[in-house]
């Protein structure tokens, strides 16, 4: 069974390409067959991560998105080898056309019938972008029926909405069975980790490229940031069984 991980969020500038690159690097480090596709019509950022060998699928003509262009994307995914993992980054301006295409063509059911497992990456930003990104995520959950991996981006502000932690909002209760997991992009101290991450993103380097380029302490910080993210993804894709509660046994020993 091939797998399609597609990043969908209508709000621009909230880390969609970063999220796509993290997932692609995670699979790449695990030596899993990976195929990255960038469809962003205005700023194809994922394509700029050279080690990911990202394919670009053009969706627009004269700055107007042609819904039939998504046919090419479906063809690529549906004819791939069974063990292939696709990471597809859809730009903010492609969000509405893609969702309309998916609903009209019952896309995810079609892919499922072709033995393609679909997972949606939904990015929710903290701070002032929380409301808009939550609204978009809610629309994705309501209009689809596939597993969704939630990414919480704390770089842009506190991960809360109306004084409640985003992860504990009631809107997710009805979709809990479809939420594959939660991954947090933490807000790091600006002058150390934050500056290192910013440099990495500005250069469009992967974690491994950054580790090769940086001097000792920045390299150590990037290695830690990578370990933390990979650990969260391990809990999503290779969850460890919960340890039994041995407190009573210990007390009685």
C-alpha atoms as a PDB file:
ATOM      1  CA  UNK A   1       0.000   0.000   0.000  1.00  0.00           C
ATOM      2  CA  UNK A   2       1.385   3.412  -0.974  1.00  0.00           C
ATOM      3  CA  UNK A   3       0.743   6.366   1.300  1.00  0.00           C
ATOM      4  CA  UNK A   4      -0.074   9.993   0.564  1.00  0.00           C
ATOM      5  CA  UNK A   5       0.678  12.636   3.189  1.00  0.00           C
ATOM      6  CA  UNK A   6      -0.802  15.891   1.955  1.00  0.00           C
ATOM      7  CA  UNK A   7      -0.341  19.208   3.771  1.00  0.00           C
ATOM      8  CA  UNK A   8      -3.451  21.400   3.643  1.00  0.00           C
ATOM      9  CA  UNK A   9      -3.948  24.831   5.185  1.00  0.00           C
ATOM     10  CA  UNK A  10      -5.515  27.935   3.627  1.00  0.00           C
ATOM     11  CA  UNK A  11      -3.496  30.368   5.743  1.00  0.00           C
ATOM     12  CA  UNK A  12      -0.116  31.276   4.292  1.00  0.00           C
ATOM     13  CA  UNK A  13       3.075  31.650   6.281  1.00  0.00           C
ATOM     14  CA  UNK A  14       2.236  29.200   9.061  1.00  0.00           C
ATOM     15  CA  UNK A  15       4.858  26.539   8.309  1.00  0.00           C
ATOM     16  CA  UNK A  16       3.246  24.198   5.768  1.00  0.00           C
ATOM     17  CA  UNK A  17       6.443  23.666   3.798  1.00  0.00           C
ATOM     18  CA  UNK A  18       8.485  23.264   6.983  1.00  0.00           C
ATOM     19  CA  UNK A  19       6.061  20.595   8.191  1.00  0.00           C
ATOM     20  CA  UNK A  20       6.203  18.811   4.820  1.00  0.00           C
ATOM     21  CA  UNK A  21      10.009  18.916   4.859  1.00  0.00           C
ATOM     22  CA  UNK A  22      10.169  17.531   8.423  1.00  0.00           C
ATOM     23  CA  UNK A  23       7.971  14.566   7.522  1.00  0.00           C
ATOM     24  CA  UNK A  24       9.933  13.890   4.333  1.00  0.00           C
ATOM     25  CA  UNK A  25      13.242  14.007   6.209  1.00  0.00           C
ATOM     26  CA  UNK A  26      11.871  11.696   8.891  1.00  0.00           C
ATOM     27  CA  UNK A  27      10.941   9.073   6.291  1.00  0.00           C
ATOM     28  CA  UNK A  28      14.214   9.618   4.442  1.00  0.00           C
ATOM     29  CA  UNK A  29      16.224   9.018   7.635  1.00  0.00           C
ATOM     30  CA  UNK A  30      14.287   5.777   8.126  1.00  0.00           C
ATOM     31  CA  UNK A  31      15.364   4.680   4.613  1.00  0.00           C
ATOM     32  CA  UNK A  32      11.750   4.528   3.456  1.00  0.00           C
ATOM     33  CA  UNK A  33      10.975   5.220  -0.224  1.00  0.00           C
ATOM     34  CA  UNK A  34       9.847   8.846  -0.381  1.00  0.00           C
ATOM     35  CA  UNK A  35       8.553  11.034  -3.225  1.00  0.00           C
ATOM     36  CA  UNK A  36       8.036  14.747  -2.524  1.00  0.00           C
ATOM     37  CA  UNK A  37       5.735  16.896  -4.644  1.00  0.00           C
ATOM     38  CA  UNK A  38       5.340  20.679  -4.463  1.00  0.00           C
ATOM     39  CA  UNK A  39       2.236  22.252  -6.008  1.00  0.00           C
ATOM     40  CA  UNK A  40       2.558  25.777  -4.572  1.00  0.00           C
ATOM     41  CA  UNK A  41       1.901  28.157  -7.460  1.00  0.00           C
ATOM     42  CA  UNK A  42       3.515  31.253  -5.929  1.00  0.00           C
ATOM     43  CA  UNK A  43       6.232  30.084  -3.527  1.00  0.00           C
ATOM     44  CA  UNK A  44       7.300  26.446  -4.063  1.00  0.00           C
ATOM     45  CA  UNK A  45       9.406  26.244  -0.897  1.00  0.00           C
ATOM     46  CA  UNK A  46       9.517  22.472  -0.531  1.00  0.00           C
ATOM     47  CA  UNK A  47      11.178  22.237  -3.923  1.00  0.00           C
ATOM     48  CA  UNK A  48      14.125  24.243  -2.580  1.00  0.00           C
ATOM     49  CA  UNK A  49      15.177  21.500  -0.152  1.00  0.00           C
ATOM     50  CA  UNK A  50      17.622  19.853  -2.558  1.00  0.00           C
ATOM     51  CA  UNK A  51      18.188  16.528  -0.740  1.00  0.00           C
ATOM     52  CA  UNK A  52      14.437  15.852  -0.963  1.00  0.00           C
ATOM     53  CA  UNK A  53      14.535  15.730  -4.793  1.00  0.00           C
ATOM     54  CA  UNK A  54      11.105  17.303  -4.914  1.00  0.00           C
ATOM     55  CA  UNK A  55       8.987  17.136  -8.061  1.00  0.00           C
ATOM     56  CA  UNK A  56       7.025  20.226  -9.070  1.00  0.00           C
ATOM     57  CA  UNK A  57       3.491  19.840 -10.414  1.00  0.00           C
ATOM     58  CA  UNK A  58       2.222  22.989 -12.081  1.00  0.00           C
ATOM     59  CA  UNK A  59      -1.383  23.777 -11.251  1.00  0.00           C
ATOM     60  CA  UNK A  60      -1.936  27.201 -12.796  1.00  0.00           C
ATOM     61  CA  UNK A  61      -1.956  28.964 -16.135  1.00  0.00           C
ATOM     62  CA  UNK A  62      -1.778  32.773 -16.179  1.00  0.00           C
ATOM     63  CA  UNK A  63      -2.068  32.718 -12.358  1.00  0.00           C
ATOM     64  CA  UNK A  64      -5.374  30.800 -12.488  1.00  0.00           C
ATOM     65  CA  UNK A  65      -5.486  27.288 -11.029  1.00  0.00           C
ATOM     66  CA  UNK A  66      -6.862  24.663 -13.379  1.00  0.00           C
ATOM     67  CA  UNK A  67      -8.632  21.971 -11.298  1.00  0.00           C
ATOM     68  CA  UNK A  68      -7.860  19.372 -13.966  1.00  0.00           C
ATOM     69  CA  UNK A  69      -4.180  19.824 -13.132  1.00  0.00           C
ATOM     70  CA  UNK A  70      -4.849  17.802  -9.998  1.00  0.00           C
ATOM     71  CA  UNK A  71      -5.475  14.840 -12.328  1.00  0.00           C
ATOM     72  CA  UNK A  72      -1.696  14.670 -12.875  1.00  0.00           C
ATOM     73  CA  UNK A  73      -1.062  14.530  -9.148  1.00  0.00           C
ATOM     74  CA  UNK A  74      -3.571  11.687  -8.738  1.00  0.00           C
ATOM     75  CA  UNK A  75      -2.025   9.811 -11.660  1.00  0.00           C
ATOM     76  CA  UNK A  76       1.463  10.038 -10.116  1.00  0.00           C
ATOM     77  CA  UNK A  77       0.263   8.783  -6.749  1.00  0.00           C
ATOM     78  CA  UNK A  78      -2.049   6.040  -7.997  1.00  0.00           C
ATOM     79  CA  UNK A  79       0.535   4.435 -10.323  1.00  0.00           C
ATOM     80  CA  UNK A  80       3.410   4.378  -7.824  1.00  0.00           C
ATOM     81  CA  UNK A  81       5.007   1.258  -6.313  1.00  0.00           C
ATOM     82  CA  UNK A  82       3.175  -0.111  -3.289  1.00  0.00           C
ATOM     83  CA  UNK A  83       5.832   0.897  -0.752  1.00  0.00           C
ATOM     84  CA  UNK A  84       6.042   4.561  -1.840  1.00  0.00           C
ATOM     85  CA  UNK A  85       5.351   7.395   0.583  1.00  0.00           C
ATOM     86  CA  UNK A  86       4.340  10.698  -0.960  1.00  0.00           C
ATOM     87  CA  UNK A  87       4.660  14.025   0.808  1.00  0.00           C
ATOM     88  CA  UNK A  88       2.668  16.678  -1.054  1.00  0.00           C
ATOM     89  CA  UNK A  89       2.750  20.364  -0.169  1.00  0.00           C
ATOM     90  CA  UNK A  90      -0.309  22.301  -1.367  1.00  0.00           C
ATOM     91  CA  UNK A  91       0.115  26.081  -1.265  1.00  0.00           C
ATOM     92  CA  UNK A  92      -2.398  28.302   0.501  1.00  0.00           C
ATOM     93  CA  UNK A  93      -3.809  29.499  -2.834  1.00  0.00           C
ATOM     94  CA  UNK A  94      -4.333  25.892  -3.890  1.00  0.00           C
ATOM     95  CA  UNK A  95      -6.262  24.921  -0.781  1.00  0.00           C
ATOM     96  CA  UNK A  96      -9.782  25.859  -1.912  1.00  0.00           C
ATOM     97  CA  UNK A  97      -9.385  24.462  -5.463  1.00  0.00           C
ATOM     98  CA  UNK A  98      -7.971  21.208  -4.099  1.00  0.00           C
ATOM     99  CA  UNK A  99     -10.720  20.772  -1.515  1.00  0.00           C
ATOM    100  CA  UNK A 100     -13.370  21.465  -4.163  1.00  0.00           C
ATOM    101  CA  UNK A 101     -11.698  18.942  -6.492  1.00  0.00           C
ATOM    102  CA  UNK A 102     -11.454  16.327  -3.719  1.00  0.00           C
ATOM    103  CA  UNK A 103     -15.129  16.668  -2.781  1.00  0.00           C
ATOM    104  CA  UNK A 104     -16.427  16.789  -6.360  1.00  0.00           C
ATOM    105  CA  UNK A 105     -14.436  13.726  -7.426  1.00  0.00           C
ATOM    106  CA  UNK A 106     -14.740  11.824  -4.131  1.00  0.00           C
ATOM    107  CA  UNK A 107     -10.964  11.751  -4.380  1.00  0.00           C
ATOM    108  CA  UNK A 108     -10.004  10.077  -1.131  1.00  0.00           C
ATOM    109  CA  UNK A 109     -12.471   7.228  -1.688  1.00  0.00           C
ATOM    110  CA  UNK A 110     -11.044   6.745  -5.180  1.00  0.00           C
ATOM    111  CA  UNK A 111      -7.503   6.599  -3.817  1.00  0.00           C
ATOM    112  CA  UNK A 112      -8.551   4.193  -1.083  1.00  0.00           C
ATOM    113  CA  UNK A 113     -10.056   1.898  -3.717  1.00  0.00           C
ATOM    114  CA  UNK A 114      -6.647   1.955  -5.440  1.00  0.00           C
ATOM    115  CA  UNK A 115      -4.950   0.925  -2.185  1.00  0.00           C
ATOM    116  CA  UNK A 116      -3.523   4.371  -1.457  1.00  0.00           C
ATOM    117  CA  UNK A 117      -3.713   5.404   2.196  1.00  0.00           C
ATOM    118  CA  UNK A 118      -4.233   9.141   2.626  1.00  0.00           C
ATOM    119  CA  UNK A 119      -3.169  11.175   5.660  1.00  0.00           C
ATOM    120  CA  UNK A 120      -3.769  14.934   5.869  1.00  0.00           C
ATOM    121  CA  UNK A 121      -1.242  17.175   7.611  1.00  0.00           C
ATOM    122  CA  UNK A 122      -3.066  20.120   9.137  1.00  0.00           C
ATOM    123  CA  UNK A 123      -1.004  23.006  10.526  1.00  0.00           C
ATOM    124  CA  UNK A 124      -2.452  25.063  13.370  1.00  0.00           C
ATOM    125  CA  UNK A 125      -0.539  28.197  14.327  1.00  0.00           C
ATOM    126  CA  UNK A 126      -0.424  29.795  17.731  1.00  0.00           C
ATOM    127  CA  UNK A 127      -0.956  33.467  18.456  1.00  0.00           C
ATOM    128  CA  UNK A 128      -2.944  35.740  16.127  1.00  0.00           C
ATOM    129  CA  UNK A 129      -3.202  33.080  13.393  1.00  0.00           C
ATOM    130  CA  UNK A 130      -4.874  30.529  15.688  1.00  0.00           C
ATOM    131  CA  UNK A 131      -8.447  31.473  14.759  1.00  0.00           C
ATOM    132  CA  UNK A 132      -7.976  31.268  10.987  1.00  0.00           C
ATOM    133  CA  UNK A 133      -5.921  28.088  11.039  1.00  0.00           C
ATOM    134  CA  UNK A 134      -8.431  26.429  13.375  1.00  0.00           C
ATOM    135  CA  UNK A 135     -11.286  27.424  11.074  1.00  0.00           C
ATOM    136  CA  UNK A 136      -9.492  25.830   8.126  1.00  0.00           C
ATOM    137  CA  UNK A 137      -8.638  22.684  10.079  1.00  0.00           C
ATOM    138  CA  UNK A 138     -12.278  22.340  11.123  1.00  0.00           C
ATOM    139  CA  UNK A 139     -13.340  22.561   7.455  1.00  0.00           C
ATOM    140  CA  UNK A 140     -10.835  19.851   6.514  1.00  0.00           C
ATOM    141  CA  UNK A 141     -12.086  17.545   9.275  1.00  0.00           C
ATOM    142  CA  UNK A 142     -15.728  18.113   8.317  1.00  0.00           C
ATOM    143  CA  UNK A 143     -15.234  17.656   4.562  1.00  0.00           C
ATOM    144  CA  UNK A 144     -12.979  14.589   4.655  1.00  0.00           C
ATOM    145  CA  UNK A 145     -13.003  11.197   6.320  1.00  0.00           C
ATOM    146  CA  UNK A 146      -9.319  10.320   6.349  1.00  0.00           C
ATOM    147  CA  UNK A 147      -6.771  10.268   9.192  1.00  0.00           C
ATOM    148  CA  UNK A 148      -5.339  13.684  10.027  1.00  0.00           C
ATOM    149  CA  UNK A 149      -2.004  14.460  11.649  1.00  0.00           C
ATOM    150  CA  UNK A 150      -2.146  17.711  13.627  1.00  0.00           C
ATOM    151  CA  UNK A 151       0.871  20.016  13.687  1.00  0.00           C
ATOM    152  CA  UNK A 152       0.920  22.792  16.292  1.00  0.00           C
ATOM    153  CA  UNK A 153       3.251  25.668  15.421  1.00  0.00           C
ATOM    154  CA  UNK A 154       4.263  27.614  18.530  1.00  0.00           C
ATOM    155  CA  UNK A 155       6.746  29.781  16.613  1.00  0.00           C
ATOM    156  CA  UNK A 156       3.984  32.333  15.958  1.00  0.00           C
ATOM    157  CA  UNK A 157       2.531  32.518  19.468  1.00  0.00           C
ATOM    158  CA  UNK A 158       0.907  30.667  22.345  1.00  0.00           C
ATOM    159  CA  UNK A 159      -0.907  27.466  21.424  1.00  0.00           C
ATOM    160  CA  UNK A 160      -4.261  28.459  22.887  1.00  0.00           C
ATOM    161  CA  UNK A 161      -7.607  29.812  21.759  1.00  0.00           C
ATOM    162  CA  UNK A 162     -10.071  31.615  24.013  1.00  0.00           C
ATOM    163  CA  UNK A 163      -7.840  30.802  26.984  1.00  0.00           C
ATOM    164  CA  UNK A 164      -7.892  27.055  26.295  1.00  0.00           C
ATOM    165  CA  UNK A 165      -5.035  24.877  24.993  1.00  0.00           C
ATOM    166  CA  UNK A 166      -5.673  24.240  21.285  1.00  0.00           C
ATOM    167  CA  UNK A 167      -5.266  20.490  21.688  1.00  0.00           C
ATOM    168  CA  UNK A 168      -8.119  20.407  24.232  1.00  0.00           C
ATOM    169  CA  UNK A 169     -10.718  22.381  22.252  1.00  0.00           C
ATOM    170  CA  UNK A 170     -14.136  20.753  21.958  1.00  0.00           C
ATOM    171  CA  UNK A 171     -14.132  20.974  18.156  1.00  0.00           C
ATOM    172  CA  UNK A 172     -11.709  18.026  18.045  1.00  0.00           C
ATOM    173  CA  UNK A 173     -13.869  15.727  20.186  1.00  0.00           C
ATOM    174  CA  UNK A 174     -16.067  14.529  17.318  1.00  0.00           C
ATOM    175  CA  UNK A 175     -13.011  13.747  15.189  1.00  0.00           C
ATOM    176  CA  UNK A 176     -10.773  12.197  17.851  1.00  0.00           C
ATOM    177  CA  UNK A 177     -10.966   8.750  16.205  1.00  0.00           C
ATOM    178  CA  UNK A 178      -9.479  10.217  13.007  1.00  0.00           C
ATOM    179  CA  UNK A 179      -6.719  12.282  14.587  1.00  0.00           C
ATOM    180  CA  UNK A 180      -3.560  10.296  13.984  1.00  0.00           C
ATOM    181  CA  UNK A 181      -1.531  12.300  16.486  1.00  0.00           C
ATOM    182  CA  UNK A 182      -0.205  15.702  17.521  1.00  0.00           C
ATOM    183  CA  UNK A 183       3.234  17.123  16.736  1.00  0.00           C
ATOM    184  CA  UNK A 184       4.361  20.403  18.282  1.00  0.00           C
ATOM    185  CA  UNK A 185       6.884  22.771  16.719  1.00  0.00           C
ATOM    186  CA  UNK A 186       8.046  24.459  19.922  1.00  0.00           C
ATOM    187  CA  UNK A 187       8.964  28.090  20.342  1.00  0.00           C
ATOM    188  CA  UNK A 188      12.680  28.156  21.146  1.00  0.00           C
ATOM    189  CA  UNK A 189      14.720  30.882  22.875  1.00  0.00           C
ATOM    190  CA  UNK A 190      15.248  33.505  20.178  1.00  0.00           C
ATOM    191  CA  UNK A 191      18.995  34.041  20.568  1.00  0.00           C
ATOM    192  CA  UNK A 192      20.041  30.368  20.592  1.00  0.00           C
ATOM    193  CA  UNK A 193      17.787  27.622  19.232  1.00  0.00           C
ATOM    194  CA  UNK A 194      15.502  30.144  17.557  1.00  0.00           C
ATOM    195  CA  UNK A 195      18.321  31.772  15.618  1.00  0.00           C
ATOM    196  CA  UNK A 196      19.676  28.381  14.560  1.00  0.00           C
ATOM    197  CA  UNK A 197      16.266  27.223  13.295  1.00  0.00           C
ATOM    198  CA  UNK A 198      15.732  30.542  11.509  1.00  0.00           C
ATOM    199  CA  UNK A 199      19.091  30.196   9.740  1.00  0.00           C
ATOM    200  CA  UNK A 200      18.228  26.647   8.689  1.00  0.00           C
ATOM    201  CA  UNK A 201      14.857  27.703   7.281  1.00  0.00           C
ATOM    202  CA  UNK A 202      16.280  30.728   5.513  1.00  0.00           C
ATOM    203  CA  UNK A 203      18.855  28.583   3.700  1.00  0.00           C
ATOM    204  CA  UNK A 204      16.275  25.824   2.979  1.00  0.00           C
ATOM    205  CA  UNK A 205      18.637  23.300   4.514  1.00  0.00           C
ATOM    206  CA  UNK A 206      17.548  19.950   5.862  1.00  0.00           C
ATOM    207  CA  UNK A 207      18.482  19.089   9.442  1.00  0.00           C
ATOM    208  CA  UNK A 208      21.365  16.910   8.234  1.00  0.00           C
ATOM    209  CA  UNK A 209      22.701  19.649   5.957  1.00  0.00           C
ATOM    210  CA  UNK A 210      22.493  22.138   8.823  1.00  0.00           C
ATOM    211  CA  UNK A 211      24.323  19.810  11.199  1.00  0.00           C
ATOM    212  CA  UNK A 212      27.102  19.479   8.602  1.00  0.00           C
ATOM    213  CA  UNK A 213      27.348  23.261   8.150  1.00  0.00           C
ATOM    214  CA  UNK A 214      27.167  24.542  11.736  1.00  0.00           C
ATOM    215  CA  UNK A 215      29.875  24.860  14.359  1.00  0.00           C
ATOM    216  CA  UNK A 216      29.804  22.896  17.606  1.00  0.00           C
ATOM    217  CA  UNK A 217      27.118  24.455  19.824  1.00  0.00           C
ATOM    218  CA  UNK A 218      24.665  25.421  17.038  1.00  0.00           C
ATOM    219  CA  UNK A 219      25.132  21.875  15.721  1.00  0.00           C
ATOM    220  CA  UNK A 220      24.320  20.421  19.154  1.00  0.00           C
ATOM    221  CA  UNK A 221      21.160  22.553  19.363  1.00  0.00           C
ATOM    222  CA  UNK A 222      19.963  21.523  15.884  1.00  0.00           C
ATOM    223  CA  UNK A 223      20.619  17.872  16.744  1.00  0.00           C
ATOM    224  CA  UNK A 224      18.470  18.251  19.861  1.00  0.00           C
ATOM    225  CA  UNK A 225      15.673  19.980  17.924  1.00  0.00           C
ATOM    226  CA  UNK A 226      15.733  17.169  15.383  1.00  0.00           C
ATOM    227  CA  UNK A 227      15.716  14.481  18.090  1.00  0.00           C
ATOM    228  CA  UNK A 228      12.721  16.091  19.752  1.00  0.00           C
ATOM    229  CA  UNK A 229      10.715  16.188  16.511  1.00  0.00           C
ATOM    230  CA  UNK A 230      11.701  12.673  15.484  1.00  0.00           C
ATOM    231  CA  UNK A 231      10.699  11.457  18.942  1.00  0.00           C
ATOM    232  CA  UNK A 232       7.229  12.959  18.516  1.00  0.00           C
ATOM    233  CA  UNK A 233       6.870  11.355  15.090  1.00  0.00           C
ATOM    234  CA  UNK A 234       8.018   8.007  16.491  1.00  0.00           C
ATOM    235  CA  UNK A 235       5.093   8.198  18.915  1.00  0.00           C
ATOM    236  CA  UNK A 236       2.736   8.710  15.950  1.00  0.00           C
ATOM    237  CA  UNK A 237       4.085   6.029  13.626  1.00  0.00           C
ATOM    238  CA  UNK A 238       5.762   3.599  16.051  1.00  0.00           C
ATOM    239  CA  UNK A 239       4.007   4.186  19.391  1.00  0.00           C
ATOM    240  CA  UNK A 240       5.478   2.491  22.416  1.00  0.00           C
ATOM    241  CA  UNK A 241       3.089   0.524  24.636  1.00  0.00           C
ATOM    242  CA  UNK A 242       2.249   2.231  27.897  1.00  0.00           C
ATOM    243  CA  UNK A 243       4.221   0.960  30.864  1.00  0.00           C
ATOM    244  CA  UNK A 244       2.093  -0.820  33.490  1.00  0.00           C
ATOM    245  CA  UNK A 245       1.488   1.058  36.709  1.00  0.00           C
ATOM    246  CA  UNK A 246       3.827  -0.593  39.249  1.00  0.00           C
ATOM    247  CA  UNK A 247       3.422   1.954  42.014  1.00  0.00           C
ATOM    248  CA  UNK A 248       1.441  -0.416  44.269  1.00  0.00           C
ATOM    249  CA  UNK A 249       3.954  -3.195  43.735  1.00  0.00           C
ATOM    250  CA  UNK A 250       6.831  -0.895  44.590  1.00  0.00           C
ATOM    251  CA  UNK A 251       5.099   0.320  47.719  1.00  0.00           C
ATOM    252  CA  UNK A 252       4.412  -3.218  48.867  1.00  0.00           C
ATOM    253  CA  UNK A 253       7.894  -4.542  48.106  1.00  0.00           C
END
